[in-house]
């Protein structure tokens, strides 16, 4: 079992920045990838950014150039630096860890961007 603890959400004005963190703990032997998804009210959950154990990074088109994902393999922590935030970024953000090909999800953290 792998547990995920997220932090860093909140309320910010458009154009501002936030940094999300998510630490994985528990029975960890091999992390394949970590990442962030988000779900806005009335919409499906969508991928925001992912990073694999061999540093392959993918971003959704809507956040390219504004968000940066990074991972600390020593502490099993994934970060999402969000800059130039827009009201459209408002959503619950979920971190995910794929450990030995099994996905584990965090509880979600609210990000609200005011115009």
N, C-alpha and C. Protein backbone atom coordinates (compact mmCIF):
# COMPACT_ATOMS: atom_id res chain seq x y z
N UNK A 1 0.84 -1.19 0.00
CA UNK A 1 0.00 0.00 0.00
C UNK A 1 0.88 1.25 0.00
N UNK A 2 0.50 2.21 -0.83
CA UNK A 2 1.21 3.48 -0.91
C UNK A 2 0.24 4.59 -0.53
N UNK A 3 0.66 5.47 0.34
CA UNK A 3 -0.14 6.61 0.76
C UNK A 3 0.41 7.88 0.14
N UNK A 4 -0.51 8.77 -0.21
CA UNK A 4 -0.14 10.04 -0.85
C UNK A 4 -0.67 11.19 -0.02
N UNK A 5 0.18 12.15 0.29
CA UNK A 5 -0.24 13.32 1.05
C UNK A 5 0.11 14.57 0.24
N UNK A 6 -0.94 15.33 -0.09
CA UNK A 6 -0.78 16.52 -0.90
C UNK A 6 -0.82 17.77 -0.04
N UNK A 7 -0.20 18.84 -0.54
CA UNK A 7 -0.27 20.13 0.13
C UNK A 7 0.00 21.23 -0.90
N UNK A 8 -0.39 22.45 -0.53
CA UNK A 8 -0.02 23.61 -1.35
C UNK A 8 -1.14 24.27 -2.11
N UNK A 9 -2.34 23.74 -2.05
CA UNK A 9 -3.44 24.40 -2.75
C UNK A 9 -3.86 25.67 -2.04
N UNK A 10 -4.80 26.40 -2.66
CA UNK A 10 -5.29 27.61 -2.04
C UNK A 10 -5.94 28.54 -3.05
N UNK A 11 -6.12 29.78 -2.61
CA UNK A 11 -6.75 30.83 -3.41
C UNK A 11 -5.68 31.81 -3.87
N UNK A 12 -5.69 32.14 -5.15
CA UNK A 12 -4.71 33.06 -5.69
C UNK A 12 -5.36 33.88 -6.78
N UNK A 13 -4.88 35.09 -6.99
CA UNK A 13 -5.40 35.92 -8.06
C UNK A 13 -4.80 35.50 -9.40
N UNK A 14 -5.50 35.80 -10.45
CA UNK A 14 -5.00 35.51 -11.80
C UNK A 14 -3.63 36.15 -11.99
N UNK A 15 -2.74 35.38 -12.60
CA UNK A 15 -1.37 35.85 -12.79
C UNK A 15 -0.42 35.44 -11.69
N UNK A 16 -0.99 34.92 -10.59
CA UNK A 16 -0.17 34.51 -9.46
C UNK A 16 0.39 33.11 -9.62
N UNK A 17 1.04 32.65 -8.54
CA UNK A 17 1.70 31.34 -8.55
C UNK A 17 1.33 30.53 -7.32
N UNK A 18 1.38 29.23 -7.48
CA UNK A 18 1.23 28.28 -6.38
C UNK A 18 2.16 27.10 -6.64
N UNK A 19 2.56 26.44 -5.56
CA UNK A 19 3.39 25.24 -5.70
C UNK A 19 2.72 24.11 -4.93
N UNK A 20 2.40 23.05 -5.63
CA UNK A 20 1.81 21.87 -5.02
C UNK A 20 2.91 20.84 -4.74
N UNK A 21 2.73 20.13 -3.63
CA UNK A 21 3.65 19.05 -3.27
C UNK A 21 2.84 17.80 -2.97
N UNK A 22 3.44 16.66 -3.23
CA UNK A 22 2.78 15.39 -2.92
C UNK A 22 3.84 14.37 -2.57
N UNK A 23 3.77 13.84 -1.36
CA UNK A 23 4.75 12.87 -0.89
C UNK A 23 4.12 11.49 -0.81
N UNK A 24 4.81 10.51 -1.36
CA UNK A 24 4.36 9.13 -1.30
C UNK A 24 5.12 8.41 -0.19
N UNK A 25 4.40 7.56 0.54
CA UNK A 25 5.03 6.79 1.59
C UNK A 25 4.38 5.42 1.68
N UNK A 26 5.04 4.51 2.40
CA UNK A 26 4.50 3.18 2.54
C UNK A 26 5.42 2.14 1.94
N UNK A 27 4.82 1.10 1.39
CA UNK A 27 5.56 -0.02 0.85
C UNK A 27 6.02 0.31 -0.58
N UNK A 28 7.07 1.13 -0.68
CA UNK A 28 7.55 1.59 -1.99
C UNK A 28 8.82 0.83 -2.37
N UNK A 29 8.77 0.18 -3.52
CA UNK A 29 9.95 -0.50 -4.05
C UNK A 29 10.42 0.12 -5.36
N UNK A 30 9.48 0.42 -6.24
CA UNK A 30 9.86 0.98 -7.54
C UNK A 30 8.76 1.91 -8.04
N UNK A 31 9.06 3.20 -8.09
CA UNK A 31 8.11 4.16 -8.66
C UNK A 31 8.36 4.26 -10.15
N UNK A 32 7.31 4.03 -10.93
CA UNK A 32 7.42 4.12 -12.39
C UNK A 32 7.19 5.53 -12.88
N UNK A 33 6.26 6.24 -12.22
CA UNK A 33 5.94 7.60 -12.64
C UNK A 33 5.14 8.28 -11.55
N UNK A 34 5.15 9.61 -11.60
CA UNK A 34 4.31 10.42 -10.72
C UNK A 34 3.69 11.52 -11.57
N UNK A 35 2.61 12.09 -11.08
CA UNK A 35 1.99 13.13 -11.89
C UNK A 35 0.86 13.84 -11.19
N UNK A 36 0.28 14.77 -11.93
CA UNK A 36 -0.83 15.57 -11.41
C UNK A 36 -1.97 15.55 -12.42
N UNK A 37 -3.18 15.39 -11.89
CA UNK A 37 -4.41 15.51 -12.64
C UNK A 37 -5.26 16.58 -11.97
N UNK A 38 -6.28 17.03 -12.68
CA UNK A 38 -7.21 17.99 -12.07
C UNK A 38 -8.62 17.73 -12.57
N UNK A 39 -9.56 18.15 -11.75
CA UNK A 39 -10.97 18.02 -12.10
C UNK A 39 -11.71 19.28 -11.71
N UNK A 40 -12.25 19.96 -12.70
CA UNK A 40 -13.05 21.16 -12.47
C UNK A 40 -14.51 20.76 -12.33
N UNK A 41 -15.32 21.59 -11.70
CA UNK A 41 -16.74 21.26 -11.52
C UNK A 41 -17.42 20.98 -12.85
N UNK A 42 -18.11 19.84 -12.92
CA UNK A 42 -18.84 19.50 -14.13
C UNK A 42 -18.00 18.96 -15.25
N UNK A 43 -16.71 18.76 -15.00
CA UNK A 43 -15.82 18.27 -16.05
C UNK A 43 -15.15 16.97 -15.63
N UNK A 44 -14.62 16.25 -16.61
CA UNK A 44 -13.91 15.02 -16.32
C UNK A 44 -12.51 15.33 -15.79
N UNK A 45 -11.96 14.38 -15.05
CA UNK A 45 -10.59 14.52 -14.58
C UNK A 45 -9.65 14.47 -15.79
N UNK A 46 -8.67 15.36 -15.80
CA UNK A 46 -7.75 15.43 -16.93
C UNK A 46 -6.30 15.46 -16.44
N UNK A 47 -5.42 14.96 -17.27
CA UNK A 47 -4.00 14.97 -16.95
C UNK A 47 -3.46 16.38 -17.10
N UNK A 48 -2.64 16.78 -16.14
CA UNK A 48 -1.98 18.09 -16.18
C UNK A 48 -0.50 17.92 -16.55
N UNK A 49 0.19 17.08 -15.80
CA UNK A 49 1.62 16.86 -16.04
C UNK A 49 2.02 15.53 -15.42
N UNK A 50 2.92 14.83 -16.11
CA UNK A 50 3.45 13.58 -15.59
C UNK A 50 4.95 13.52 -15.80
N UNK A 51 5.62 12.76 -14.92
CA UNK A 51 7.06 12.58 -15.04
C UNK A 51 7.37 11.13 -14.72
N UNK A 52 8.15 10.50 -15.59
CA UNK A 52 8.47 9.10 -15.39
C UNK A 52 9.78 8.96 -14.62
N UNK A 53 10.08 7.73 -14.23
CA UNK A 53 11.31 7.48 -13.48
C UNK A 53 12.56 7.76 -14.31
N UNK A 54 12.43 7.75 -15.64
CA UNK A 54 13.58 8.10 -16.49
C UNK A 54 13.43 9.51 -17.05
N UNK A 55 12.68 10.35 -16.30
CA UNK A 55 12.60 11.79 -16.55
C UNK A 55 11.90 12.18 -17.86
N UNK A 56 11.02 11.35 -18.35
CA UNK A 56 10.19 11.76 -19.48
C UNK A 56 9.02 12.56 -18.92
N UNK A 57 8.87 13.78 -19.40
CA UNK A 57 7.87 14.70 -18.89
C UNK A 57 6.85 15.01 -19.97
N UNK A 58 5.59 15.04 -19.56
CA UNK A 58 4.51 15.40 -20.47
C UNK A 58 3.62 16.43 -19.79
N UNK A 59 3.21 17.43 -20.56
CA UNK A 59 2.29 18.46 -20.08
C UNK A 59 1.06 18.50 -20.98
N UNK A 60 -0.07 18.87 -20.40
CA UNK A 60 -1.22 19.14 -21.23
C UNK A 60 -0.96 20.45 -21.98
N UNK A 61 -1.57 20.61 -23.13
CA UNK A 61 -1.36 21.82 -23.92
C UNK A 61 -1.77 23.07 -23.16
N UNK A 62 -2.76 22.94 -22.30
CA UNK A 62 -3.29 24.12 -21.61
C UNK A 62 -2.35 24.68 -20.55
N UNK A 63 -1.35 23.89 -20.13
CA UNK A 63 -0.45 24.37 -19.08
C UNK A 63 1.00 24.50 -19.54
N UNK A 64 1.29 24.08 -20.76
CA UNK A 64 2.67 24.16 -21.27
C UNK A 64 3.18 25.59 -21.19
N UNK A 65 4.40 25.73 -20.66
CA UNK A 65 5.01 27.05 -20.55
C UNK A 65 4.64 27.78 -19.28
N UNK A 66 3.66 27.27 -18.53
CA UNK A 66 3.24 27.93 -17.29
C UNK A 66 3.49 27.05 -16.07
N UNK A 67 3.36 25.74 -16.22
CA UNK A 67 3.52 24.81 -15.11
C UNK A 67 4.82 24.02 -15.28
N UNK A 68 5.43 23.65 -14.17
CA UNK A 68 6.65 22.84 -14.20
C UNK A 68 6.52 21.71 -13.19
N UNK A 69 6.71 20.48 -13.65
CA UNK A 69 6.66 19.33 -12.77
C UNK A 69 8.09 18.87 -12.47
N UNK A 70 8.30 18.42 -11.23
CA UNK A 70 9.60 17.88 -10.86
C UNK A 70 9.38 16.78 -9.82
N UNK A 71 10.40 15.95 -9.67
CA UNK A 71 10.27 14.82 -8.75
C UNK A 71 11.56 14.64 -7.98
N UNK A 72 11.44 14.41 -6.69
CA UNK A 72 12.57 14.09 -5.83
C UNK A 72 12.49 12.59 -5.56
N UNK A 73 13.35 11.83 -6.22
CA UNK A 73 13.27 10.38 -6.08
C UNK A 73 13.69 9.90 -4.70
N UNK A 74 14.51 10.67 -4.01
CA UNK A 74 14.98 10.25 -2.68
C UNK A 74 13.85 10.28 -1.66
N UNK A 75 12.95 11.25 -1.81
CA UNK A 75 11.86 11.40 -0.84
C UNK A 75 10.50 11.00 -1.43
N UNK A 76 10.51 10.51 -2.67
CA UNK A 76 9.27 10.10 -3.35
C UNK A 76 8.26 11.24 -3.37
N UNK A 77 8.73 12.44 -3.68
CA UNK A 77 7.87 13.62 -3.68
C UNK A 77 7.80 14.21 -5.09
N UNK A 78 6.61 14.57 -5.49
CA UNK A 78 6.41 15.24 -6.78
C UNK A 78 5.90 16.65 -6.53
N UNK A 79 6.39 17.58 -7.32
CA UNK A 79 6.01 18.98 -7.17
C UNK A 79 5.37 19.49 -8.47
N UNK A 80 4.51 20.48 -8.32
CA UNK A 80 3.96 21.15 -9.48
C UNK A 80 4.03 22.65 -9.21
N UNK A 81 4.95 23.31 -9.90
CA UNK A 81 5.05 24.77 -9.82
C UNK A 81 4.12 25.36 -10.87
N UNK A 82 3.17 26.15 -10.40
CA UNK A 82 2.16 26.72 -11.29
C UNK A 82 2.32 28.24 -11.33
N UNK A 83 2.68 28.77 -12.47
CA UNK A 83 2.86 30.19 -12.65
C UNK A 83 1.84 30.72 -13.65
N UNK A 84 1.68 32.03 -13.66
CA UNK A 84 0.74 32.68 -14.58
C UNK A 84 -0.63 31.99 -14.54
N UNK A 85 -1.11 31.78 -13.34
CA UNK A 85 -2.38 31.06 -13.18
C UNK A 85 -3.54 31.84 -13.76
N UNK A 86 -4.48 31.08 -14.30
CA UNK A 86 -5.67 31.64 -14.94
C UNK A 86 -6.91 31.09 -14.23
N UNK A 87 -8.02 31.82 -14.29
CA UNK A 87 -9.26 31.30 -13.67
C UNK A 87 -9.62 29.91 -14.19
N UNK A 88 -9.26 29.61 -15.42
CA UNK A 88 -9.56 28.29 -15.99
C UNK A 88 -8.76 27.17 -15.33
N UNK A 89 -7.76 27.51 -14.54
CA UNK A 89 -6.98 26.50 -13.82
C UNK A 89 -7.67 26.08 -12.51
N UNK A 90 -8.75 26.74 -12.16
CA UNK A 90 -9.48 26.39 -10.94
C UNK A 90 -9.99 24.95 -11.03
N UNK A 91 -9.63 24.15 -10.02
CA UNK A 91 -10.00 22.74 -10.02
C UNK A 91 -9.47 22.10 -8.73
N UNK A 92 -9.90 20.87 -8.50
CA UNK A 92 -9.25 20.05 -7.49
C UNK A 92 -8.11 19.31 -8.18
N UNK A 93 -6.92 19.43 -7.61
CA UNK A 93 -5.73 18.82 -8.19
C UNK A 93 -5.40 17.55 -7.41
N UNK A 94 -5.18 16.47 -8.14
CA UNK A 94 -4.88 15.17 -7.55
C UNK A 94 -3.49 14.72 -8.00
N UNK A 95 -2.70 14.23 -7.07
CA UNK A 95 -1.44 13.62 -7.47
C UNK A 95 -1.65 12.12 -7.61
N UNK A 96 -0.82 11.52 -8.42
CA UNK A 96 -0.88 10.08 -8.65
C UNK A 96 0.54 9.53 -8.69
N UNK A 97 0.69 8.37 -8.11
CA UNK A 97 1.97 7.65 -8.17
C UNK A 97 1.70 6.28 -8.77
N UNK A 98 2.53 5.89 -9.72
CA UNK A 98 2.46 4.55 -10.27
C UNK A 98 3.65 3.78 -9.70
N UNK A 99 3.35 2.82 -8.85
CA UNK A 99 4.39 2.05 -8.17
C UNK A 99 4.18 0.59 -8.52
N UNK A 100 5.18 0.00 -9.12
CA UNK A 100 5.09 -1.37 -9.63
C UNK A 100 3.79 -1.55 -10.42
N UNK A 101 3.55 -0.55 -11.30
CA UNK A 101 2.45 -0.52 -12.28
C UNK A 101 1.07 -0.40 -11.62
N UNK A 102 1.02 -0.09 -10.33
CA UNK A 102 -0.24 0.14 -9.64
C UNK A 102 -0.37 1.63 -9.36
N UNK A 103 -1.52 2.23 -9.67
CA UNK A 103 -1.72 3.66 -9.46
C UNK A 103 -2.33 3.93 -8.08
N UNK A 104 -1.78 4.93 -7.43
CA UNK A 104 -2.27 5.38 -6.13
C UNK A 104 -2.55 6.88 -6.23
N UNK A 105 -3.70 7.30 -5.68
CA UNK A 105 -4.14 8.68 -5.82
C UNK A 105 -4.13 9.40 -4.47
N UNK A 106 -3.83 10.69 -4.52
CA UNK A 106 -3.95 11.52 -3.35
C UNK A 106 -5.41 11.93 -3.14
N UNK A 107 -5.65 12.64 -2.04
CA UNK A 107 -7.02 13.00 -1.68
C UNK A 107 -7.51 14.23 -2.43
N UNK A 108 -6.60 14.95 -3.06
CA UNK A 108 -6.98 16.14 -3.81
C UNK A 108 -6.78 17.41 -3.00
N UNK A 109 -6.41 18.47 -3.69
CA UNK A 109 -6.24 19.78 -3.06
C UNK A 109 -6.86 20.84 -3.97
N UNK A 110 -7.62 21.73 -3.37
CA UNK A 110 -8.36 22.73 -4.15
C UNK A 110 -7.44 23.88 -4.55
N UNK A 111 -7.49 24.23 -5.82
CA UNK A 111 -6.82 25.42 -6.34
C UNK A 111 -7.90 26.32 -6.93
N UNK A 112 -7.97 27.54 -6.43
CA UNK A 112 -8.96 28.50 -6.92
C UNK A 112 -8.23 29.75 -7.39
N UNK A 113 -8.48 30.13 -8.63
CA UNK A 113 -7.85 31.31 -9.21
C UNK A 113 -8.94 32.35 -9.47
N UNK A 114 -8.84 33.48 -8.82
CA UNK A 114 -9.83 34.53 -8.98
C UNK A 114 -9.42 35.50 -10.08
N UNK A 115 -10.41 36.04 -10.76
CA UNK A 115 -10.11 36.97 -11.87
C UNK A 115 -10.05 38.41 -11.39
